[in-house]
Amino acid sequence: MDVVTFGETMVLFNPISVGPLRYAGLFEKTIGGAESNVAIGLTRLGHRAGWISRLGKDEFGLYVRNFIRGEGVDTSRVIFDAAYPTGVFFKERRPMKESKIYYYRKESAASRLRPDDLDEEYIAKAGFLHITGITPALSDSNKETVYHAIRLARRHGLTVVFDPNIRLKLWSEERVRSELLDVAARCDIVLPGLEEGEVLTGSTDPEEIAAYLLDLGAKAVVVKLGGSGAYYAAVHESARIDGYPVPHIVDPVGSGDAFAAGFLSGLIRGWSWSEAVRLGNRVAAHALTVVGDVEGLPFWSEVAPDPEEQVLR
């Protein structure tokens, strides 16, 4: 695999109508999960990605596995758990506001993920390990699994990429800051959004956020700035990269994962930091134009630079 990732993916029910869920009668079924979003984004961009998780041994679990596998992601290390169910969540589409999410994931199969569920030989053959801050929030065993995965990656020379992906519905802001900063300190690349950076560092300045995380030990930090693009800082260089204009945003959920997939794609291709960030911005812009976590993720043919260009313009 070019990239291996792991975490919870749930069945997502999107209402056909806009407004409070109590009035919604019809839903479309799809999937949602930060890590699988990134894996699917990578396969669409032409890379090999593996996704590890636990799913309930139920119809929803089969649906999630089959959906992700159908996108070309390797799911050979997925475990089906007969004792715990697959999680589900609902999206509430609100006019002129960001969508609201309702989770039903307590005691899900994915929350039972544990360190010995990880295949060391499988991870050792990858180039990158991608993790998010959602996984350690789900349970103590999930948190132990994250630390174990980082140790395995370190042992075998993988680059560890960490997206904080903060979900304050899962734990308090105090715990988020202390625990996710500890994870960030063990990773090579950190990808916070601007608001996440504020939670972690107390600053709203992208340069200060990046400097704080670099001081912890990261080799590079990319602060996602929404429509303004992104700011990156590595040990010897830094720059702000403009975003791509999106005239009409349909659904912002999943754009951060799209950015991660595009950014990782650039790194896998051996591009510079600025080129990789620019590709991340472009992939994220595509994701904003379609309802759903993965439906707007582009294929390489849709975002590839002109053959005569050295970088995306």
Protein backbone atom coordinates (compact mmCIF):
# COMPACT_ATOMS: atom_id res chain seq x y z
CA MET A 1 0.00 0.00 0.00
CA ASP A 2 1.02 3.61 -0.55
CA VAL A 3 -1.04 4.57 2.51
CA VAL A 4 -2.59 2.54 5.34
CA THR A 5 -5.24 4.07 7.58
CA PHE A 6 -7.67 2.80 10.20
CA GLY A 7 -10.74 3.99 12.06
CA GLU A 8 -14.51 3.88 12.24
CA THR A 9 -16.76 4.14 9.21
CA MET A 10 -20.52 4.26 9.73
CA VAL A 11 -23.61 4.09 7.60
CA LEU A 12 -24.75 7.63 6.79
CA PHE A 13 -28.39 8.52 6.15
CA ASN A 14 -28.84 11.75 4.18
CA PRO A 15 -32.37 13.20 4.13
CA ILE A 16 -33.84 14.07 0.76
CA SER A 17 -35.42 17.20 2.24
CA VAL A 18 -33.85 20.26 3.85
CA GLY A 19 -34.82 21.11 7.42
CA PRO A 20 -35.21 19.48 10.86
CA LEU A 21 -34.89 15.69 10.89
CA ARG A 22 -38.23 15.34 12.65
CA TYR A 23 -39.88 16.29 9.34
CA ALA A 24 -37.68 14.10 7.12
CA GLY A 25 -39.34 11.01 5.72
CA LEU A 26 -37.00 9.87 2.97
CA PHE A 27 -33.26 9.23 3.21
CA GLU A 28 -30.41 8.18 0.94
CA LYS A 29 -27.99 5.65 2.39
CA THR A 30 -24.24 5.98 1.99
CA ILE A 31 -21.17 5.79 4.24
CA GLY A 32 -19.09 8.25 6.23
CA GLY A 33 -15.77 7.95 8.00
CA ALA A 34 -12.76 10.26 7.93
CA GLU A 35 -10.18 7.55 7.37
CA SER A 36 -12.10 5.66 4.69
CA ASN A 37 -12.85 9.01 2.99
CA VAL A 38 -9.10 9.57 2.69
CA ALA A 39 -8.51 6.02 1.46
CA ILE A 40 -11.20 6.34 -1.21
CA GLY A 41 -9.86 9.76 -2.22
CA LEU A 42 -6.42 8.24 -2.68
CA THR A 43 -7.60 5.34 -4.82
CA ARG A 44 -9.49 7.74 -7.07
CA LEU A 45 -6.26 9.68 -7.48
CA GLY A 46 -4.48 6.53 -8.61
CA HIS A 47 -2.86 5.22 -5.42
CA ARG A 48 -3.03 2.04 -3.38
CA ALA A 49 -4.71 2.50 -0.01
CA GLY A 50 -5.59 0.05 2.76
CA TRP A 51 -8.26 0.61 5.42
CA ILE A 52 -8.40 -1.33 8.70
CA SER A 53 -11.38 -1.42 11.06
CA ARG A 54 -13.92 -3.48 12.95
CA LEU A 55 -17.46 -3.71 11.60
CA GLY A 56 -20.53 -5.37 13.00
CA LYS A 57 -21.27 -8.78 11.56
CA ASP A 58 -24.51 -7.38 10.20
CA GLU A 59 -26.01 -6.03 6.99
CA PHE A 60 -24.71 -2.53 7.62
CA GLY A 61 -21.21 -3.92 8.18
CA LEU A 62 -21.31 -5.78 4.89
CA TYR A 63 -22.59 -2.67 3.16
CA VAL A 64 -19.73 -0.53 4.51
CA ARG A 65 -17.07 -3.11 3.62
CA ASN A 66 -18.47 -3.67 0.14
CA PHE A 67 -18.80 0.05 -0.56
CA ILE A 68 -15.19 0.79 0.41
CA ARG A 69 -13.85 -2.30 -1.34
CA GLY A 70 -15.82 -1.36 -4.43
CA GLU A 71 -13.90 1.92 -4.56
CA GLY A 72 -10.65 -0.01 -4.91
CA VAL A 73 -9.51 0.26 -1.29
CA ASP A 74 -7.91 -2.84 0.20
CA THR A 75 -10.17 -4.10 3.03
CA SER A 76 -8.48 -7.43 3.61
CA ARG A 77 -7.65 -6.53 7.25
CA VAL A 78 -11.21 -5.56 8.21
CA ILE A 79 -12.59 -7.62 11.11
CA PHE A 80 -16.28 -8.51 11.45
CA ASP A 81 -17.47 -8.54 15.06
CA ALA A 82 -20.56 -10.59 15.95
CA ALA A 83 -20.89 -9.03 19.43
CA TYR A 84 -21.15 -5.34 18.51
CA PRO A 85 -23.02 -3.47 15.74
CA THR A 86 -21.94 -1.17 12.93
CA GLY A 87 -22.46 2.50 13.86
CA VAL A 88 -24.88 4.76 12.01
CA PHE A 89 -25.36 8.52 11.79
CA PHE A 90 -27.78 11.00 10.28
CA LYS A 91 -27.13 14.31 8.59
CA GLU A 92 -29.57 17.21 8.99
CA ARG A 93 -29.44 19.62 6.06
CA ARG A 94 -30.19 23.15 7.22
CA PRO A 95 -30.79 26.08 4.84
CA MET A 96 -28.04 28.72 4.96
CA LYS A 97 -26.23 26.79 7.71
CA GLU A 98 -23.70 23.98 8.03
CA SER A 99 -25.20 20.51 8.18
CA LYS A 100 -25.87 19.09 11.64
CA ILE A 101 -24.82 15.53 12.49
CA TYR A 102 -26.46 13.00 14.83
CA TYR A 103 -24.32 9.99 15.78
CA TYR A 104 -25.46 6.55 17.00
CA ARG A 105 -22.10 4.90 17.57
CA LYS A 106 -21.89 4.02 21.30
CA GLU A 107 -20.58 0.47 21.80
CA SER A 108 -20.06 0.06 18.07
CA ALA A 109 -17.81 -2.65 16.68
CA ALA A 110 -15.20 -0.06 15.67
CA SER A 111 -14.97 1.20 19.25
CA ARG A 112 -13.64 -2.26 20.16
CA LEU A 113 -10.61 -1.96 17.87
CA ARG A 114 -7.47 -3.01 19.77
CA PRO A 115 -3.71 -3.13 19.11
CA ASP A 116 -3.56 -6.81 18.15
CA ASP A 117 -6.04 -6.11 15.33
CA LEU A 118 -3.17 -4.45 13.44
CA ASP A 119 -1.10 -6.61 11.10
CA GLU A 120 2.50 -5.42 11.51
CA GLU A 121 3.70 -6.98 8.26
CA TYR A 122 0.87 -5.28 6.36
CA ILE A 123 1.65 -1.85 7.81
CA ALA A 124 5.40 -2.31 7.36
CA LYS A 125 5.01 -2.47 3.57
CA ALA A 126 3.26 0.92 3.31
CA GLY A 127 4.84 4.30 2.70
CA PHE A 128 2.52 6.40 4.89
CA LEU A 129 0.37 5.80 7.95
CA HIS A 130 -2.64 8.12 8.17
CA ILE A 131 -4.42 8.56 11.51
CA THR A 132 -7.02 10.97 12.89
CA GLY A 133 -8.00 12.34 16.28
CA ILE A 134 -11.41 10.66 16.05
CA THR A 135 -10.08 7.18 16.74
CA PRO A 136 -8.48 7.77 20.17
CA ALA A 137 -11.69 9.49 21.32
CA LEU A 138 -13.83 6.38 20.77
CA SER A 139 -12.43 4.19 23.56
CA ASP A 140 -9.32 3.38 25.57
CA SER A 141 -8.59 0.40 23.33
CA ASN A 142 -8.83 2.65 20.27
CA LYS A 143 -6.37 5.07 21.84
CA GLU A 144 -3.96 2.23 22.60
CA THR A 145 -4.33 1.09 18.97
CA VAL A 146 -3.33 4.55 17.72
CA TYR A 147 -0.16 4.57 19.82
CA HIS A 148 0.65 1.00 18.78
CA ALA A 149 0.21 1.92 15.10
CA ILE A 150 2.59 4.86 15.50
CA ARG A 151 5.18 2.59 17.13
CA LEU A 152 4.88 0.11 14.24
CA ALA A 153 5.23 2.91 11.71
CA ARG A 154 8.32 4.22 13.48
CA ARG A 155 9.81 0.73 13.58
CA HIS A 156 9.45 0.32 9.82
CA GLY A 157 10.21 3.83 8.61
CA LEU A 158 6.76 5.00 7.54
CA THR A 159 5.83 8.68 7.46
CA VAL A 160 3.02 9.27 9.99
CA VAL A 161 0.39 11.83 8.98
CA PHE A 162 -2.02 13.05 11.65
CA ASP A 163 -5.28 14.93 11.03
CA PRO A 164 -6.70 16.06 14.41
CA ASN A 165 -10.26 15.94 13.04
CA ILE A 166 -11.56 17.19 16.39
CA ARG A 167 -15.05 16.06 17.41
CA LEU A 168 -16.06 17.83 20.62
CA LYS A 169 -19.17 15.62 20.82
CA LEU A 170 -16.82 12.76 21.69
CA TRP A 171 -14.75 14.34 24.48
CA SER A 172 -14.05 17.59 26.30
CA GLU A 173 -11.89 20.39 24.94
CA GLU A 174 -9.44 19.88 27.81
CA ARG A 175 -8.94 16.20 26.96
CA VAL A 176 -8.72 16.99 23.26
CA ARG A 177 -5.86 19.40 23.84
CA SER A 178 -3.80 17.23 26.18
CA GLU A 179 -4.29 13.92 24.39
CA LEU A 180 -4.13 15.04 20.78
CA LEU A 181 -1.06 17.17 21.37
CA ASP A 182 0.60 14.05 22.74
CA VAL A 183 -0.33 12.19 19.55
CA ALA A 184 0.80 15.10 17.36
CA ALA A 185 4.21 15.11 19.05
CA ARG A 186 4.78 11.56 17.80
CA CYS A 187 3.85 12.24 14.15
CA ASP A 188 5.76 13.57 11.15
CA ILE A 189 3.06 15.71 9.52
CA VAL A 190 0.08 17.37 11.24
CA LEU A 191 -2.95 18.70 9.32
CA PRO A 192 -5.17 20.85 11.58
CA GLY A 193 -7.93 23.14 10.44
CA LEU A 194 -7.73 26.70 11.72
CA GLU A 195 -10.35 26.15 14.45
CA GLU A 196 -8.68 22.88 15.44
CA GLY A 197 -5.37 24.70 15.65
CA GLU A 198 -6.95 27.19 18.04
CA VAL A 199 -8.23 24.38 20.27
CA LEU A 200 -4.81 22.74 20.34
CA THR A 201 -2.58 25.80 20.68
CA GLY A 202 -4.78 28.69 21.80
CA SER A 203 -3.80 30.75 18.75
CA THR A 204 -5.81 31.81 15.71
CA ASP A 205 -2.72 32.69 13.69
CA PRO A 206 -1.72 29.95 11.19
CA GLU A 207 1.98 30.72 11.55
CA GLU A 208 1.83 30.49 15.34
CA ILE A 209 -0.18 27.25 15.18
CA ALA A 210 2.36 25.70 12.82
CA ALA A 211 5.32 26.88 14.91
CA TYR A 212 3.77 25.43 18.08
CA LEU A 213 3.29 22.00 16.47
CA LEU A 214 6.73 22.05 14.87
CA ASP A 215 8.23 22.71 18.29
CA LEU A 216 6.52 19.53 19.52
CA GLY A 217 8.49 17.53 16.98
CA ALA A 218 6.50 17.49 13.74
CA LYS A 219 8.54 17.82 10.54
CA ALA A 220 5.77 19.70 8.73
CA VAL A 221 2.42 21.29 9.58
CA VAL A 222 -0.36 22.29 7.18
CA VAL A 223 -3.09 24.55 8.56
CA LYS A 224 -6.26 24.34 6.47
CA LEU A 225 -7.86 27.76 6.01
CA GLY A 226 -11.10 26.90 4.21
CA GLY A 227 -11.75 29.06 1.18
CA SER A 228 -8.52 30.95 1.80
CA GLY A 229 -6.45 27.85 1.03
CA ALA A 230 -3.80 26.59 3.43
CA TYR A 231 -0.60 27.62 5.19
CA TYR A 232 2.24 25.13 5.45
CA ALA A 233 5.46 25.19 7.40
CA ALA A 234 8.28 22.69 7.23
CA VAL A 235 11.66 22.87 8.90
CA HIS A 236 13.24 25.10 6.24
CA GLU A 237 10.31 26.63 4.33
CA SER A 238 6.80 27.98 4.70
CA ALA A 239 4.13 29.60 2.51
CA ARG A 240 0.44 30.33 2.17
CA ILE A 241 -1.18 28.59 -0.82
CA ASP A 242 -4.38 30.10 -2.20
CA GLY A 243 -7.51 28.00 -2.40
CA TYR A 244 -9.66 27.35 -5.46
CA PRO A 245 -12.88 29.37 -5.76
CA VAL A 246 -16.12 27.39 -5.34
CA PRO A 247 -19.08 29.49 -6.54
CA HIS A 248 -21.67 27.35 -4.78
CA ILE A 249 -20.82 25.15 -1.78
CA VAL A 250 -23.25 22.23 -1.58
CA ASP A 251 -21.83 20.26 1.37
CA PRO A 252 -18.70 21.16 3.39
CA VAL A 253 -18.54 17.85 5.27
CA GLY A 254 -15.58 15.75 4.14
CA SER A 255 -13.61 18.56 2.54
CA GLY A 256 -10.83 18.23 5.12
CA ASP A 257 -10.49 14.54 4.30
CA ALA A 258 -10.44 15.42 0.60
CA PHE A 259 -7.60 17.85 1.28
CA ALA A 260 -5.66 15.11 3.11
CA ALA A 261 -6.09 12.73 0.17
CA GLY A 262 -4.91 15.33 -2.33
CA PHE A 263 -2.00 16.42 -0.16
CA LEU A 264 -0.88 12.81 0.38
CA SER A 265 -1.20 12.17 -3.34
CA GLY A 266 1.25 14.98 -3.99
CA LEU A 267 3.72 13.59 -1.48
CA ILE A 268 3.45 10.09 -2.92
CA ARG A 269 4.22 11.54 -6.34
CA GLY A 270 7.35 13.15 -4.91
CA TRP A 271 6.10 16.72 -5.29
CA SER A 272 7.28 19.63 -3.18
CA TRP A 273 5.37 20.81 -0.11
CA SER A 274 3.78 23.70 -2.02
CA GLU A 275 2.72 21.49 -4.92
CA ALA A 276 1.22 18.91 -2.58
CA VAL A 277 -0.71 21.57 -0.63
CA ARG A 278 -1.98 23.06 -3.89
CA LEU A 279 -3.28 19.67 -4.97
CA GLY A 280 -4.93 19.23 -1.57
CA ASN A 281 -6.73 22.55 -2.06
CA ARG A 282 -7.91 21.52 -5.50
CA VAL A 283 -9.24 18.14 -4.38
CA ALA A 284 -11.00 19.77 -1.40
CA ALA A 285 -12.70 22.28 -3.72
CA HIS A 286 -14.17 19.40 -5.73
CA ALA A 287 -15.56 17.76 -2.59
CA LEU A 288 -17.53 20.89 -1.69
CA THR A 289 -19.72 20.65 -4.77
CA VAL A 290 -21.56 17.39 -4.05
CA VAL A 291 -23.69 16.12 -1.14
CA GLY A 292 -22.01 13.28 0.75
CA ASP A 293 -18.65 12.48 2.31
CA VAL A 294 -17.10 10.71 -0.69
CA GLU A 295 -19.35 11.42 -3.64
CA GLY A 296 -17.48 14.62 -4.55
CA LEU A 297 -13.98 13.14 -4.35
CA PRO A 298 -12.42 13.60 -7.81
CA PHE A 299 -10.55 11.15 -10.01
CA TRP A 300 -7.02 11.96 -11.11
CA SER A 301 -8.18 12.88 -14.61
CA GLU A 302 -10.26 15.68 -13.10
CA VAL A 303 -7.44 17.36 -11.17
CA ALA A 304 -4.25 16.35 -12.99
CA PRO A 305 -2.07 19.26 -14.12
CA ASP A 306 -1.52 19.92 -17.77
CA PRO A 307 1.32 17.63 -18.95
CA GLU A 308 3.33 20.68 -19.94
CA GLU A 309 3.05 22.25 -16.48
CA GLN A 310 5.40 21.43 -13.63
CA VAL A 311 2.83 22.16 -10.92
CA LEU A 312 -0.88 22.78 -10.60
CA ARG A 313 -1.73 26.38 -11.48
